[in-house]
Amino acid sequence: MAYTPDKPALPVPIEELRARIPGWGADLDPKDRPAVPRERFDPGASGAHWDFPDRQPEKWPRERSIEHAFLPPVFGTSCPPKGLSGAIRKVAYRRYSEGRAAHWLLLIAADRVNVVEANLASMVSLRPDNPITETGILSEFSHHGLSSRLGKKRTDVKHLWLDPIIVGGPWVVRGLLGYHLIRVVRRRGRPRGVPTG
């Protein structure tokens, strides 16, 4: 079990391991270990005055790998999972081991969903994101952006054409959606059968 000095029990008996894995347990005999004269097993020599560290209080159910019996004594609390991205993260931790690709692919998908959630939250807030200042596009003109890329054999030049699409694409889509929404609202507000001319 993690975070305790107790040695966990082997899932398979030693004899079976020796028969199945050639050379397993070759260093169990102290005579076969070159470091034995200096080696000293003293769990109390760590300087810790506890058998198990004090646990941090868990204010909401935290995600935890299925490999672990419980959360570590201390864990981060700055970004609690929320929304659809939080639900995806909880599924990744609840259903899949950290050794499975599905676990990590779900966490990557949750990060992408979180970006969309943050963009949508920014759109409805009183202070939306400012793409001009937050993307650093102004520094491209004031700090020799183009000359620092061309002729320097930089690898990021290969995806240079993609950066405006990734950064500006969501803003263009938002603008088109806003324009379409305004047209729909104006059409519905206009009385039918009344000439517009």
Protein backbone atom coordinates (compact mmCIF):
# COMPACT_ATOMS: atom_id res chain seq x y z
CA MET A 1 0.00 0.00 0.00
CA ALA A 2 1.35 3.42 -0.93
CA TYR A 3 2.56 6.04 1.58
CA THR A 4 3.06 3.55 4.43
CA PRO A 5 6.22 1.71 5.51
CA ASP A 6 4.42 -1.65 5.28
CA LYS A 7 5.76 -3.94 2.58
CA PRO A 8 2.89 -5.08 0.35
CA ALA A 9 2.31 -8.81 0.02
CA LEU A 10 3.47 -10.42 -3.21
CA PRO A 11 0.57 -11.33 -5.49
CA VAL A 12 2.37 -14.56 -6.48
CA PRO A 13 4.28 -16.94 -4.15
CA ILE A 14 8.11 -16.72 -4.28
CA GLU A 15 8.50 -20.33 -5.44
CA GLU A 16 6.25 -19.72 -8.42
CA LEU A 17 8.20 -16.59 -9.35
CA ARG A 18 11.52 -18.46 -9.14
CA ALA A 19 10.18 -21.22 -11.39
CA ARG A 20 8.71 -18.81 -13.91
CA ILE A 21 11.41 -16.08 -14.07
CA PRO A 22 15.04 -17.25 -14.39
CA GLY A 23 17.23 -15.49 -11.83
CA TRP A 24 14.34 -14.05 -9.80
CA GLY A 25 15.40 -13.35 -6.22
CA ALA A 26 19.12 -13.76 -6.95
CA ASP A 27 19.92 -10.98 -4.48
CA LEU A 28 17.78 -12.27 -1.62
CA ASP A 29 20.75 -13.99 0.03
CA PRO A 30 22.90 -11.30 1.75
CA LYS A 31 26.08 -13.14 0.66
CA ASP A 32 25.20 -12.35 -2.96
CA ARG A 33 24.92 -8.61 -2.36
CA PRO A 34 28.10 -6.55 -2.63
CA ALA A 35 26.59 -3.70 -0.56
CA VAL A 36 25.56 -5.84 2.43
CA PRO A 37 28.34 -4.82 4.84
CA ARG A 38 27.23 -1.18 4.50
CA GLU A 39 23.55 -1.84 3.98
CA ARG A 40 21.37 -1.20 6.99
CA PHE A 41 17.60 -1.63 7.03
CA ASP A 42 16.21 0.77 9.59
CA PRO A 43 12.79 2.17 8.73
CA GLY A 44 12.97 4.43 11.80
CA ALA A 45 16.04 6.26 10.49
CA SER A 46 14.04 8.46 8.11
CA GLY A 47 13.60 11.19 10.72
CA ALA A 48 9.83 11.17 10.33
CA HIS A 49 7.83 11.22 13.56
CA TRP A 50 4.77 9.56 12.10
CA ASP A 51 3.86 6.20 10.66
CA PHE A 52 1.54 7.82 8.11
CA PRO A 53 1.56 11.55 7.25
CA ASP A 54 -1.40 13.74 8.21
CA ARG A 55 -3.98 13.71 5.45
CA GLN A 56 -5.17 16.83 3.69
CA PRO A 57 -8.96 17.16 3.94
CA GLU A 58 -10.81 16.23 0.75
CA LYS A 59 -13.45 18.91 0.14
CA TRP A 60 -14.93 17.23 -2.93
CA PRO A 61 -14.42 13.80 -4.51
CA ARG A 62 -11.06 13.96 -6.23
CA GLU A 63 -9.98 11.93 -9.24
CA ARG A 64 -7.68 9.08 -8.29
CA SER A 65 -5.97 6.38 -10.35
CA ILE A 66 -7.47 2.95 -9.91
CA GLU A 67 -3.98 1.64 -9.13
CA HIS A 68 -4.01 3.50 -5.80
CA ALA A 69 -6.12 2.59 -2.79
CA PHE A 70 -6.53 6.22 -1.74
CA LEU A 71 -5.35 9.74 -2.50
CA PRO A 72 -1.84 10.82 -1.49
CA PRO A 73 -1.60 12.72 1.80
CA VAL A 74 -1.24 16.05 -0.08
CA PHE A 75 -2.82 16.91 -3.43
CA GLY A 76 -3.62 19.96 -5.49
CA THR A 77 -6.92 21.81 -5.11
CA SER A 78 -6.49 24.79 -7.45
CA CYS A 79 -8.37 23.36 -10.44
CA PRO A 80 -11.31 21.20 -9.42
CA PRO A 81 -12.88 19.32 -12.35
CA LYS A 82 -16.04 21.00 -13.61
CA GLY A 83 -18.35 20.89 -16.59
CA LEU A 84 -18.11 18.39 -19.42
CA SER A 85 -14.30 18.34 -19.27
CA GLY A 86 -14.47 17.39 -15.59
CA ALA A 87 -16.90 14.58 -16.36
CA ILE A 88 -14.53 13.24 -19.04
CA ARG A 89 -11.60 13.35 -16.59
CA LYS A 90 -13.62 11.48 -13.96
CA VAL A 91 -14.44 8.74 -16.49
CA ALA A 92 -10.76 8.48 -17.43
CA TYR A 93 -9.72 7.98 -13.80
CA ARG A 94 -12.67 5.81 -12.77
CA ARG A 95 -12.59 3.32 -15.65
CA TYR A 96 -9.06 3.10 -17.04
CA SER A 97 -5.64 2.36 -15.58
CA GLU A 98 -2.82 4.84 -16.17
CA GLY A 99 -1.15 2.16 -18.27
CA ARG A 100 -3.95 2.25 -20.84
CA ALA A 101 -3.95 4.59 -23.82
CA ALA A 102 -7.67 5.24 -23.31
CA HIS A 103 -6.89 6.93 -19.97
CA TRP A 104 -4.51 9.43 -21.54
CA LEU A 105 -6.59 9.98 -24.69
CA LEU A 106 -9.59 10.85 -22.54
CA LEU A 107 -7.48 13.30 -20.53
CA ILE A 108 -6.25 14.94 -23.75
CA ALA A 109 -9.85 15.16 -25.00
CA ALA A 110 -10.87 16.70 -21.67
CA ASP A 111 -8.18 19.37 -22.11
CA ARG A 112 -9.52 20.24 -25.57
CA VAL A 113 -13.10 20.38 -24.25
CA ASN A 114 -11.87 22.61 -21.42
CA VAL A 115 -10.46 25.07 -23.97
CA VAL A 116 -13.84 25.26 -25.70
CA GLU A 117 -15.59 25.70 -22.35
CA ALA A 118 -13.22 28.53 -21.43
CA ASN A 119 -13.80 30.22 -24.80
CA LEU A 120 -17.58 29.99 -24.38
CA ALA A 121 -17.34 31.31 -20.81
CA SER A 122 -15.22 34.19 -22.08
CA MET A 123 -17.81 35.07 -24.72
CA VAL A 124 -20.63 35.44 -22.18
CA SER A 125 -18.51 37.23 -19.56
CA LEU A 126 -18.32 40.99 -19.13
CA ARG A 127 -14.61 40.93 -20.01
CA PRO A 128 -14.10 38.59 -22.99
CA ASP A 129 -10.65 37.50 -24.13
CA ASN A 130 -8.78 39.98 -26.28
CA PRO A 131 -7.07 38.07 -29.11
CA ILE A 132 -4.86 41.02 -30.07
CA THR A 133 -3.13 41.38 -26.72
CA GLU A 134 -3.37 37.82 -25.40
CA THR A 135 -1.94 36.04 -28.44
CA GLY A 136 1.14 38.27 -28.62
CA ILE A 137 0.47 39.23 -32.23
CA LEU A 138 1.67 42.80 -31.61
CA SER A 139 5.13 41.51 -30.69
CA GLU A 140 5.38 40.00 -34.18
CA PHE A 141 5.64 43.55 -35.51
CA SER A 142 7.61 45.18 -32.69
CA HIS A 143 10.17 42.41 -32.03
CA HIS A 144 11.18 41.28 -35.55
CA GLY A 145 8.82 38.30 -35.71
CA LEU A 146 9.25 37.54 -39.40
CA SER A 147 13.01 38.05 -39.60
CA SER A 148 13.54 35.84 -36.53
CA ARG A 149 11.85 32.95 -38.35
CA LEU A 150 13.06 33.17 -41.93
CA GLY A 151 16.51 31.79 -42.77
CA LYS A 152 17.15 30.52 -39.24
CA LYS A 153 16.28 26.81 -39.79
CA ARG A 154 13.68 26.90 -37.03
CA THR A 155 11.35 23.92 -36.92
CA ASP A 156 8.30 25.94 -35.91
CA VAL A 157 8.29 27.64 -39.33
CA LYS A 158 6.67 24.49 -40.74
CA HIS A 159 3.44 25.13 -38.89
CA LEU A 160 3.59 28.91 -39.15
CA TRP A 161 0.74 28.96 -41.67
CA LEU A 162 -1.46 27.00 -39.24
CA ASP A 163 -1.08 29.36 -36.27
CA PRO A 164 -3.47 32.09 -37.56
CA ILE A 165 -6.12 29.45 -38.24
CA ILE A 166 -5.81 27.96 -34.76
CA VAL A 167 -5.76 31.33 -32.99
CA GLY A 168 -8.10 33.32 -35.24
CA GLY A 169 -10.42 30.53 -36.35
CA PRO A 170 -12.54 30.47 -33.19
CA TRP A 171 -12.95 34.27 -33.35
CA VAL A 172 -14.07 34.13 -36.98
CA VAL A 173 -16.56 31.38 -36.12
CA ARG A 174 -17.86 33.44 -33.19
CA GLY A 175 -18.28 36.47 -35.41
CA LEU A 176 -20.19 34.49 -38.05
CA LEU A 177 -22.42 32.91 -35.41
CA GLY A 178 -23.09 36.31 -33.84
CA TYR A 179 -23.92 37.81 -37.23
CA HIS A 180 -26.27 34.92 -38.02
CA LEU A 181 -27.93 35.22 -34.60
CA ILE A 182 -28.52 38.95 -35.07
CA ARG A 183 -30.10 38.34 -38.52
CA VAL A 184 -32.41 35.67 -37.09
CA VAL A 185 -33.48 37.94 -34.22
CA ARG A 186 -34.13 40.86 -36.61
CA ARG A 187 -36.21 38.67 -38.94
CA ARG A 188 -38.35 37.38 -36.10
CA GLY A 189 -38.88 40.87 -34.75
CA ARG A 190 -40.15 42.21 -38.11
CA PRO A 191 -43.97 41.97 -38.52
CA ARG A 192 -45.10 39.73 -41.37
CA GLY A 193 -46.91 41.15 -44.37
CA VAL A 194 -45.69 44.68 -43.78
CA PRO A 195 -43.71 46.10 -46.70
CA THR A 196 -40.18 46.98 -45.76
CA GLY A 197 -39.65 49.59 -48.49
